[in-house]
Amino acid sequence: MSTQLSDADRASLRSLRTIADYQFGAGAGNALFPTDEPIDIRRTSSGRPRQIIVSGTRVVTYATDGRFTLGYAGGERLADALESPAYRVIVGDDSAPFVRDGKNVFAKFVQDVDPVIRPGDEILVEHYDGELLGVGRAELSADGMMDFASGMAVKVRDGKH
């Protein structure tokens, strides 16, 4: 893990912060990639940023479609930085143990959802008491999650460890 960033890494970080602000909202870039912690940008063989490690933990993966996929640590950082209900799907006691284990969320268990969520969005799965349970990708729109009695609402990628 490098504590001194190269000029290329500093330029990449500025760009990655801007992308995070666009994808998740203002302040997300600084929350995910703080200036006061060691950051390691792992690159593909072509030199493109791929994994971003902050303080020894994977925060995000920069996908080939130009969007971030969250690791649990990135979800924690966003949960602290973004005001609820931003990018959140709220579940109850029935789903909590399953989400922690990395199992998917089904529509019938969704209690509340940020109304702007669209299929494909990276989201946070929280218990109604505010505990972050996992991170994943929305499979339904916010309306679909609230209206449907069956079907997968969130493909959980990483549950609470």
Protein backbone atom coordinates (compact mmCIF):
# COMPACT_ATOMS: atom_id res chain seq x y z
CA MET A 1 0.00 0.00 0.00
CA SER A 2 1.49 3.31 -0.98
CA THR A 3 1.22 6.39 1.19
CA GLN A 4 2.86 8.64 -1.44
CA LEU A 5 0.78 9.01 -4.57
CA SER A 6 2.30 9.47 -8.00
CA ASP A 7 1.19 12.37 -10.17
CA ALA A 8 -0.87 9.91 -12.23
CA ASP A 9 -2.59 8.58 -9.09
CA ARG A 10 -3.36 12.13 -7.86
CA ALA A 11 -4.91 12.94 -11.25
CA SER A 12 -6.85 9.66 -11.20
CA LEU A 13 -8.15 10.40 -7.70
CA ARG A 14 -9.46 13.80 -8.75
CA SER A 15 -11.31 12.13 -11.61
CA LEU A 16 -12.57 9.25 -9.44
CA ARG A 17 -13.90 11.70 -6.82
CA THR A 18 -15.82 13.54 -9.54
CA ILE A 19 -17.30 10.27 -10.84
CA ALA A 20 -18.34 9.29 -7.29
CA ASP A 21 -20.03 12.66 -6.76
CA TYR A 22 -21.91 12.18 -10.03
CA GLN A 23 -22.94 8.59 -9.27
CA PHE A 24 -23.86 8.99 -5.57
CA GLY A 25 -24.27 12.72 -4.97
CA ALA A 26 -22.21 15.61 -3.67
CA GLY A 27 -19.66 14.64 -1.04
CA ALA A 28 -19.44 10.98 -2.04
CA GLY A 29 -16.03 11.38 -3.68
CA ASN A 30 -14.41 12.77 -0.56
CA ALA A 31 -16.18 10.19 1.61
CA LEU A 32 -14.97 7.26 -0.50
CA PHE A 33 -11.46 8.62 -1.17
CA PRO A 34 -10.42 10.83 1.76
CA THR A 35 -7.26 12.90 1.54
CA ASP A 36 -6.03 11.89 5.01
CA GLU A 37 -5.88 8.10 4.57
CA PRO A 38 -3.51 5.91 2.54
CA ILE A 39 -4.98 5.11 -0.87
CA ASP A 40 -3.78 2.41 -3.23
CA ILE A 41 -5.08 2.46 -6.81
CA ARG A 42 -4.70 -0.96 -8.38
CA ARG A 43 -4.68 -0.78 -12.14
CA THR A 44 -5.38 -3.10 -15.03
CA SER A 45 -2.55 -4.14 -17.35
CA SER A 46 -3.49 -1.18 -19.57
CA GLY A 47 -3.11 1.24 -16.65
CA ARG A 48 -6.81 1.89 -16.05
CA PRO A 49 -7.86 2.20 -12.36
CA ARG A 50 -9.64 -0.98 -11.24
CA GLN A 51 -9.62 -1.49 -7.46
CA ILE A 52 -9.38 1.39 -5.00
CA ILE A 53 -8.06 0.37 -1.61
CA VAL A 54 -8.28 2.81 1.31
CA SER A 55 -6.46 2.02 4.54
CA GLY A 56 -5.95 -1.56 3.39
CA THR A 57 -9.61 -2.29 2.54
CA ARG A 58 -11.29 -2.40 -0.89
CA VAL A 59 -13.73 0.47 -1.03
CA VAL A 60 -14.85 0.28 -4.67
CA THR A 61 -14.15 -1.34 -7.98
CA TYR A 62 -14.15 0.93 -11.00
CA ALA A 63 -16.04 -1.10 -13.59
CA THR A 64 -15.53 -0.98 -17.34
CA ASP A 65 -18.89 0.81 -17.72
CA GLY A 66 -17.45 3.83 -15.89
CA ARG A 67 -19.39 3.29 -12.66
CA PHE A 68 -18.33 2.11 -9.24
CA THR A 69 -19.36 -1.13 -7.60
CA LEU A 70 -19.26 -0.84 -3.84
CA GLY A 71 -17.46 -3.00 -1.34
CA TYR A 72 -18.89 -3.13 2.18
CA ALA A 73 -16.28 -0.60 3.37
CA GLY A 74 -17.39 1.79 0.62
CA GLY A 75 -20.99 1.32 1.73
CA GLU A 76 -20.04 2.26 5.29
CA ARG A 77 -18.35 5.41 4.06
CA LEU A 78 -21.37 6.38 1.94
CA ALA A 79 -23.84 5.60 4.74
CA ASP A 80 -21.94 8.04 6.96
CA ALA A 81 -21.70 10.73 4.26
CA LEU A 82 -25.13 10.62 2.58
CA GLU A 83 -28.26 11.65 4.37
CA SER A 84 -30.91 8.94 4.61
CA PRO A 85 -32.74 7.75 2.49
CA ALA A 86 -30.16 8.41 -0.26
CA TYR A 87 -29.32 5.19 -2.15
CA ARG A 88 -30.85 3.02 0.56
CA VAL A 89 -33.21 0.07 0.61
CA ILE A 90 -34.65 -0.53 4.07
CA VAL A 91 -35.50 -4.03 5.29
CA GLY A 92 -36.74 -5.51 8.56
CA ASP A 93 -35.82 -8.29 10.94
CA ASP A 94 -36.91 -11.03 8.50
CA SER A 95 -34.23 -10.11 5.94
CA ALA A 96 -31.39 -8.82 8.14
CA PRO A 97 -29.57 -12.12 8.84
CA PHE A 98 -29.77 -13.15 5.19
CA VAL A 99 -28.42 -9.84 3.87
CA ARG A 100 -25.53 -9.97 6.37
CA ASP A 101 -24.66 -13.35 4.83
CA GLY A 102 -24.69 -11.85 1.33
CA LYS A 103 -28.09 -13.21 0.29
CA ASN A 104 -30.34 -11.17 -2.00
CA VAL A 105 -33.24 -8.95 -0.95
CA PHE A 106 -36.69 -9.81 -2.28
CA ALA A 107 -39.34 -7.18 -2.97
CA LYS A 108 -41.83 -8.46 -0.42
CA PHE A 109 -39.32 -7.72 2.38
CA VAL A 110 -38.55 -4.12 1.36
CA GLN A 111 -40.02 -1.71 3.90
CA ASP A 112 -38.82 1.55 2.38
CA VAL A 113 -36.61 2.73 -0.47
CA ASP A 114 -35.08 5.92 -1.83
CA PRO A 115 -37.63 6.92 -4.50
CA VAL A 116 -34.96 7.74 -7.10
CA ILE A 117 -33.41 4.25 -7.23
CA ARG A 118 -33.38 2.70 -10.70
CA PRO A 119 -32.45 -0.82 -11.81
CA GLY A 120 -28.68 -1.14 -11.96
CA ASP A 121 -27.96 1.47 -9.27
CA GLU A 122 -25.44 0.64 -6.56
CA ILE A 123 -27.28 0.79 -3.26
CA LEU A 124 -26.98 0.33 0.49
CA VAL A 125 -29.18 -2.20 2.26
CA GLU A 126 -30.03 -1.05 5.78
CA HIS A 127 -32.09 -2.38 8.66
CA TYR A 128 -34.88 -0.02 9.69
CA ASP A 129 -32.83 0.84 12.81
CA GLY A 130 -30.10 2.32 10.57
CA GLU A 131 -27.59 -0.55 10.64
CA LEU A 132 -25.86 -1.13 7.31
CA LEU A 133 -26.37 -4.78 6.38
CA GLY A 134 -24.84 -4.94 2.92
CA VAL A 135 -24.30 -3.36 -0.48
CA GLY A 136 -25.45 -4.41 -3.90
CA ARG A 137 -27.17 -3.62 -7.17
CA ALA A 138 -30.84 -2.68 -7.51
CA GLU A 139 -32.72 -5.10 -9.75
CA LEU A 140 -35.99 -3.16 -9.65
CA SER A 141 -36.97 0.49 -9.59
CA ALA A 142 -37.98 2.01 -6.27
CA ASP A 143 -41.66 1.79 -7.28
CA GLY A 144 -41.24 -1.85 -8.26
CA MET A 145 -39.61 -2.71 -4.94
CA MET A 146 -42.54 -1.22 -3.06
CA ASP A 147 -45.29 -2.54 -5.35
CA PHE A 148 -44.23 -6.09 -6.17
CA ALA A 149 -45.02 -9.00 -3.86
CA SER A 150 -42.33 -11.21 -5.40
CA GLY A 151 -39.07 -10.97 -7.28
CA MET A 152 -35.53 -9.97 -6.47
CA ALA A 153 -35.19 -6.31 -5.45
CA VAL A 154 -31.46 -6.18 -4.70
CA LYS A 155 -28.60 -8.42 -5.80
CA VAL A 156 -26.43 -8.25 -2.68
CA ARG A 157 -22.72 -8.23 -3.43
CA ASP A 158 -21.21 -7.87 0.03
CA GLY A 159 -22.82 -8.38 3.43
CA LYS A 160 -21.72 -7.15 6.83
CA HIS A 161 -18.71 -9.16 8.00
